[in-house]
């Protein structure tokens, strides 16, 4: 009994000492070098985030009223972005980082595992696309709808594997342009799809968009990895409009005529990069 008590007491002291060490190390560590490291990492992608982060009470950093931008302009605006390491998993030798975001009227929570079997867990809800500047900055478009997503990714001997479900309620967009081509404007679309990750590669599997007079399906390989903004896109958008829908947007479909594979069916290749998609 005494041995067990001593063991538990020793374990408790070790945990307390580890926690105190982490807290002291964090308290004494200046935030400026961390901000510099983040800025350098983002610069490799052609991105910036401003203003800089500040410390949280517990180990971690937080951005308030910040924007992630490229040379083209703002891509995402955060009311709040908090990133903190998870202390409890450290006792089991697992390193996990949690990110909690308040953005575009909604929220997103991510849990990233630096080691161990769980690589990523994501939940996002009620993100208003109208408040996401990416669409205006990159596509020159206006967009609306509420984004929901959830999923998990696990680390296996074959690489990263998992899936992320996607849904946008009452999707609408107008003015989308990719290179020399435009897409037809659409509103009140019902959408759902999935990103499947297999062997470390990500693929958008049949993201469907259906509304009055039109049905579309977007699929293909997605860029992933350390140079995600410069990696090539390889997507295909199938567009199947009804005659009355085509009649309302004659010019758009006239320009897309080279992509028609059968009457009323268009297969549009989307290439370029994430920050500069083009229709070829």
Protein backbone atom coordinates (compact mmCIF):
# COMPACT_ATOMS: atom_id res chain seq x y z
CA UNK A 1 0.00 0.00 0.00
CA UNK A 2 2.83 2.39 0.91
CA UNK A 3 4.56 1.60 -2.39
CA UNK A 4 1.42 2.43 -4.32
CA UNK A 5 0.98 5.70 -2.41
CA UNK A 6 4.58 6.67 -3.05
CA UNK A 7 4.19 5.88 -6.73
CA UNK A 8 1.03 7.99 -7.03
CA UNK A 9 2.63 10.79 -5.04
CA UNK A 10 5.71 10.67 -7.24
CA UNK A 11 3.60 10.64 -10.39
CA UNK A 12 1.60 13.62 -9.14
CA UNK A 13 4.78 15.54 -8.35
CA UNK A 14 6.22 14.70 -11.78
CA UNK A 15 3.08 15.92 -13.53
CA UNK A 16 3.03 19.09 -11.44
CA UNK A 17 6.72 19.70 -12.16
CA UNK A 18 6.18 19.18 -15.89
CA UNK A 19 3.22 21.55 -15.91
CA UNK A 20 5.15 24.17 -13.93
CA UNK A 21 8.11 23.83 -16.29
CA UNK A 22 5.89 24.37 -19.34
CA UNK A 23 4.17 27.37 -17.76
CA UNK A 24 7.47 28.98 -16.72
CA UNK A 25 9.04 28.32 -20.11
CA UNK A 26 6.03 29.87 -21.79
CA UNK A 27 5.93 32.85 -19.43
CA UNK A 28 9.61 33.64 -20.05
CA UNK A 29 9.50 33.01 -23.79
CA UNK A 30 8.98 36.24 -25.78
CA UNK A 31 6.22 36.16 -28.37
CA UNK A 32 8.18 38.16 -30.96
CA UNK A 33 10.34 35.20 -32.17
CA UNK A 34 7.18 33.12 -32.57
CA UNK A 35 5.51 35.83 -34.65
CA UNK A 36 8.65 36.07 -36.79
CA UNK A 37 8.67 32.30 -37.35
CA UNK A 38 4.99 32.33 -38.35
CA UNK A 39 5.58 35.26 -40.72
CA UNK A 40 8.49 33.47 -42.41
CA UNK A 41 6.47 30.26 -42.82
CA UNK A 42 3.53 32.14 -44.34
CA UNK A 43 5.85 34.15 -46.59
CA UNK A 44 6.95 30.88 -48.21
CA UNK A 45 3.33 30.57 -49.39
CA UNK A 46 3.07 34.22 -50.40
CA UNK A 47 0.82 34.92 -47.40
CA UNK A 48 0.74 37.32 -44.47
CA UNK A 49 -1.33 37.60 -41.29
CA UNK A 50 -1.92 40.87 -39.46
CA UNK A 51 -1.96 42.07 -36.80
CA UNK A 52 0.52 39.84 -34.97
CA UNK A 53 -0.46 37.31 -32.30
CA UNK A 54 -0.34 37.86 -28.54
CA UNK A 55 -0.04 35.32 -25.72
CA UNK A 56 -2.99 33.67 -24.03
CA UNK A 57 -3.13 33.06 -20.26
CA UNK A 58 -2.45 29.36 -20.71
CA UNK A 59 0.30 28.38 -23.19
CA UNK A 60 -0.80 29.51 -26.61
CA UNK A 61 -1.28 32.50 -28.89
CA UNK A 62 -4.30 34.43 -30.12
CA UNK A 63 -5.05 36.72 -33.04
CA UNK A 64 -7.90 39.21 -32.68
CA UNK A 65 -9.56 40.97 -35.64
CA UNK A 66 -6.90 39.57 -37.97
CA UNK A 67 -6.75 38.89 -41.71
CA UNK A 68 -4.90 36.28 -43.74
CA UNK A 69 -3.88 37.87 -47.04
CA UNK A 70 -1.99 37.23 -50.26
CA UNK A 71 -0.51 39.75 -52.67
CA UNK A 72 -3.97 39.89 -54.28
CA UNK A 73 -5.69 40.99 -51.07
CA UNK A 74 -7.45 39.50 -48.02
CA UNK A 75 -8.47 35.83 -48.13
CA UNK A 76 -9.87 35.15 -44.65
CA UNK A 77 -10.85 37.49 -41.85
CA UNK A 78 -10.86 36.20 -38.27
CA UNK A 79 -12.71 37.74 -35.37
CA UNK A 80 -10.55 35.48 -33.22
CA UNK A 81 -8.00 32.71 -33.85
CA UNK A 82 -6.61 30.93 -30.80
CA UNK A 83 -3.93 28.23 -31.03
CA UNK A 84 -2.89 26.23 -27.97
CA UNK A 85 -1.01 22.99 -27.31
CA UNK A 86 -3.01 20.34 -25.46
CA UNK A 87 -1.25 19.61 -22.17
CA UNK A 88 -2.99 16.37 -21.12
CA UNK A 89 -1.91 14.31 -24.19
CA UNK A 90 1.72 15.19 -23.42
CA UNK A 91 1.58 12.78 -20.49
CA UNK A 92 1.02 9.98 -23.03
CA UNK A 93 3.71 11.21 -25.37
CA UNK A 94 1.21 12.75 -27.79
CA UNK A 95 1.67 16.28 -29.14
CA UNK A 96 -1.61 17.91 -30.15
CA UNK A 97 -2.44 21.49 -31.03
CA UNK A 98 -5.96 22.93 -30.93
CA UNK A 99 -7.10 25.87 -33.04
CA UNK A 100 -10.40 27.64 -32.35
CA UNK A 101 -11.59 30.18 -34.89
CA UNK A 102 -14.45 32.66 -34.89
CA UNK A 103 -14.87 33.86 -38.46
CA UNK A 104 -17.52 35.00 -40.92
CA UNK A 105 -20.30 34.74 -38.34
CA UNK A 106 -19.50 31.08 -37.58
CA UNK A 107 -16.87 28.97 -35.91
CA UNK A 108 -14.29 26.33 -36.74
CA UNK A 109 -12.43 23.98 -34.41
CA UNK A 110 -9.37 21.99 -35.42
CA UNK A 111 -7.29 19.50 -33.48
CA UNK A 112 -3.96 18.65 -35.11
CA UNK A 113 -1.79 15.78 -33.93
CA UNK A 114 1.93 16.16 -34.58
CA UNK A 115 2.39 12.45 -33.81
CA UNK A 116 0.18 9.49 -32.98
CA UNK A 117 -2.65 8.00 -35.02
CA UNK A 118 -5.02 11.02 -34.95
CA UNK A 119 -3.72 13.58 -37.43
CA UNK A 120 -6.67 15.96 -37.71
CA UNK A 121 -10.20 16.51 -36.44
CA UNK A 122 -12.28 19.36 -37.86
CA UNK A 123 -15.67 20.89 -37.15
CA UNK A 124 -17.05 24.02 -38.80
CA UNK A 125 -20.55 25.47 -38.74
CA UNK A 126 -22.54 28.55 -39.80
CA UNK A 127 -19.68 30.17 -41.74
CA UNK A 128 -21.22 32.85 -43.94
CA UNK A 129 -19.60 32.79 -47.37
CA UNK A 130 -20.70 36.39 -47.93
CA UNK A 131 -18.20 37.37 -45.21
CA UNK A 132 -15.27 35.37 -46.66
CA UNK A 133 -13.14 37.77 -48.79
CA UNK A 134 -11.50 34.91 -50.74
CA UNK A 135 -14.32 34.88 -53.30
CA UNK A 136 -13.99 38.56 -54.15
CA UNK A 137 -10.20 38.62 -53.97
CA UNK A 138 -9.48 35.46 -56.00
CA UNK A 139 -12.57 34.97 -58.17
CA UNK A 140 -13.89 38.52 -58.44
CA UNK A 141 -17.23 37.14 -57.28
CA UNK A 142 -19.89 37.59 -54.65
CA UNK A 143 -21.06 34.51 -52.76
CA UNK A 144 -23.59 33.56 -50.12
CA UNK A 145 -24.64 30.58 -48.07
CA UNK A 146 -23.73 28.84 -44.81
CA UNK A 147 -20.83 26.39 -44.78
CA UNK A 148 -20.80 23.29 -42.58
CA UNK A 149 -18.02 20.72 -42.43
CA UNK A 150 -16.72 17.95 -40.20
CA UNK A 151 -14.30 15.09 -40.51
CA UNK A 152 -11.24 13.26 -39.21
CA UNK A 153 -7.90 12.23 -40.69
CA UNK A 154 -5.77 9.44 -39.27
CA UNK A 155 -2.09 8.65 -39.65
CA UNK A 156 -1.45 5.09 -40.91
CA UNK A 157 1.42 3.09 -42.35
CA UNK A 158 0.08 3.96 -45.82
CA UNK A 159 -0.02 7.69 -45.05
CA UNK A 160 -2.82 10.04 -44.05
CA UNK A 161 -6.33 8.66 -44.52
CA UNK A 162 -9.76 10.09 -43.72
CA UNK A 163 -12.62 12.20 -45.01
CA UNK A 164 -14.10 15.67 -44.58
CA UNK A 165 -17.80 16.19 -45.29
CA UNK A 166 -18.92 19.48 -46.84
CA UNK A 167 -22.28 21.18 -47.15
CA UNK A 168 -23.37 24.70 -48.05
CA UNK A 169 -26.94 25.72 -47.33
CA UNK A 170 -28.62 28.06 -49.84
CA UNK A 171 -25.46 28.58 -51.87
CA UNK A 172 -25.50 31.46 -54.32
CA UNK A 173 -22.78 33.13 -56.34
CA UNK A 174 -22.36 35.58 -59.19
CA UNK A 175 -19.50 37.03 -61.21
CA UNK A 176 -17.17 34.00 -60.91
CA UNK A 177 -14.34 34.35 -63.41
CA UNK A 178 -11.36 32.05 -63.94
CA UNK A 179 -8.95 33.34 -66.51
CA UNK A 180 -10.80 34.24 -69.73
CA UNK A 181 -13.95 32.28 -68.82
CA UNK A 182 -16.88 32.95 -66.50
CA UNK A 183 -19.22 30.50 -64.81
CA UNK A 184 -23.01 30.91 -64.96
CA UNK A 185 -24.52 32.75 -62.00
CA UNK A 186 -26.71 30.58 -59.78
CA UNK A 187 -28.75 30.92 -56.58
CA UNK A 188 -30.47 28.80 -53.94
CA UNK A 189 -28.33 25.76 -54.68
CA UNK A 190 -28.44 22.58 -52.62
CA UNK A 191 -24.91 21.30 -52.16
CA UNK A 192 -23.03 18.46 -50.52
CA UNK A 193 -19.78 16.64 -51.06
CA UNK A 194 -16.73 15.10 -49.49
CA UNK A 195 -12.97 15.48 -49.48
CA UNK A 196 -11.40 12.03 -49.25
CA UNK A 197 -7.79 11.69 -48.11
CA UNK A 198 -6.03 8.47 -49.06
CA UNK A 199 -2.32 7.74 -48.85
CA UNK A 200 -1.65 11.39 -48.12
CA UNK A 201 -3.48 12.64 -51.24
CA UNK A 202 -6.66 14.71 -51.10
CA UNK A 203 -9.50 14.40 -53.60
CA UNK A 204 -12.79 16.27 -53.86
CA UNK A 205 -15.34 13.57 -54.57
CA UNK A 206 -18.45 14.66 -56.43
CA UNK A 207 -19.33 17.97 -54.78
CA UNK A 208 -22.84 18.45 -56.18
CA UNK A 209 -24.65 21.75 -56.71
CA UNK A 210 -28.32 21.53 -57.66
CA UNK A 211 -30.83 24.30 -58.15
CA UNK A 212 -33.70 25.45 -60.31
CA UNK A 213 -32.71 24.75 -63.91
CA UNK A 214 -29.16 23.58 -63.28
CA UNK A 215 -27.14 20.68 -61.90
CA UNK A 216 -23.35 20.82 -61.43
CA UNK A 217 -20.73 18.42 -60.13
CA UNK A 218 -17.20 19.41 -59.08
CA UNK A 219 -14.52 16.77 -58.52
CA UNK A 220 -10.77 16.23 -58.77
CA UNK A 221 -7.46 16.27 -56.94
CA UNK A 222 -6.79 19.01 -54.39
CA UNK A 223 -3.41 20.51 -53.54
CA UNK A 224 -2.03 19.55 -50.16
CA UNK A 225 1.36 19.79 -48.54
CA UNK A 226 3.82 22.49 -47.48
CA UNK A 227 3.46 24.49 -50.73
CA UNK A 228 -0.32 24.31 -51.02
CA UNK A 229 -0.83 27.75 -52.58
CA UNK A 230 1.54 27.07 -55.49
CA UNK A 231 0.64 23.45 -56.22
CA UNK A 232 -1.44 22.87 -59.38
CA UNK A 233 -5.19 22.37 -59.33
CA UNK A 234 -6.70 19.45 -61.22
CA UNK A 235 -10.48 19.84 -61.00
CA UNK A 236 -13.36 19.19 -63.37
CA UNK A 237 -16.72 20.97 -63.23
CA UNK A 238 -19.60 19.31 -65.04
CA UNK A 239 -22.48 21.66 -65.85
CA UNK A 240 -25.91 20.36 -66.92
CA UNK A 241 -28.29 23.31 -67.46
CA UNK A 242 -31.87 23.18 -68.64
CA UNK A 243 -32.73 25.14 -71.81
CA UNK A 244 -34.48 27.96 -69.94
CA UNK A 245 -31.44 28.42 -67.66
CA UNK A 246 -29.12 28.58 -70.68
CA UNK A 247 -31.41 31.09 -72.38
CA UNK A 248 -31.03 33.52 -69.45
CA UNK A 249 -27.21 33.40 -69.70
CA UNK A 250 -26.58 32.96 -73.40
CA UNK A 251 -23.22 34.72 -73.51
CA UNK A 252 -21.69 32.62 -70.72
CA UNK A 253 -22.68 29.34 -72.36
CA UNK A 254 -21.60 30.61 -75.77
CA UNK A 255 -18.08 31.11 -74.41
CA UNK A 256 -18.19 27.70 -72.72
CA UNK A 257 -19.29 25.99 -75.95
CA UNK A 258 -15.82 24.46 -76.52
CA UNK A 259 -16.35 22.39 -73.36
CA UNK A 260 -19.68 20.89 -74.42
CA UNK A 261 -19.30 17.09 -74.65
CA UNK A 262 -22.94 16.37 -75.58
CA UNK A 263 -26.10 18.49 -75.92
CA UNK A 264 -26.70 20.23 -72.60
CA UNK A 265 -23.60 18.78 -70.88
CA UNK A 266 -20.39 20.77 -70.33
CA UNK A 267 -17.17 19.42 -68.84
CA UNK A 268 -14.99 22.32 -67.73
CA UNK A 269 -11.35 21.74 -66.65
CA UNK A 270 -10.14 23.98 -63.82
CA UNK A 271 -6.37 24.33 -63.56
CA UNK A 272 -3.97 26.93 -62.25
CA UNK A 273 -3.44 27.22 -58.48
CA UNK A 274 -5.59 27.74 -55.41
CA UNK A 275 -4.99 31.51 -55.51
CA UNK A 276 -5.20 31.77 -59.31
CA UNK A 277 -7.58 29.17 -60.73
CA UNK A 278 -8.11 29.21 -64.49
CA UNK A 279 -10.35 27.42 -66.97
CA UNK A 280 -8.29 25.97 -69.81
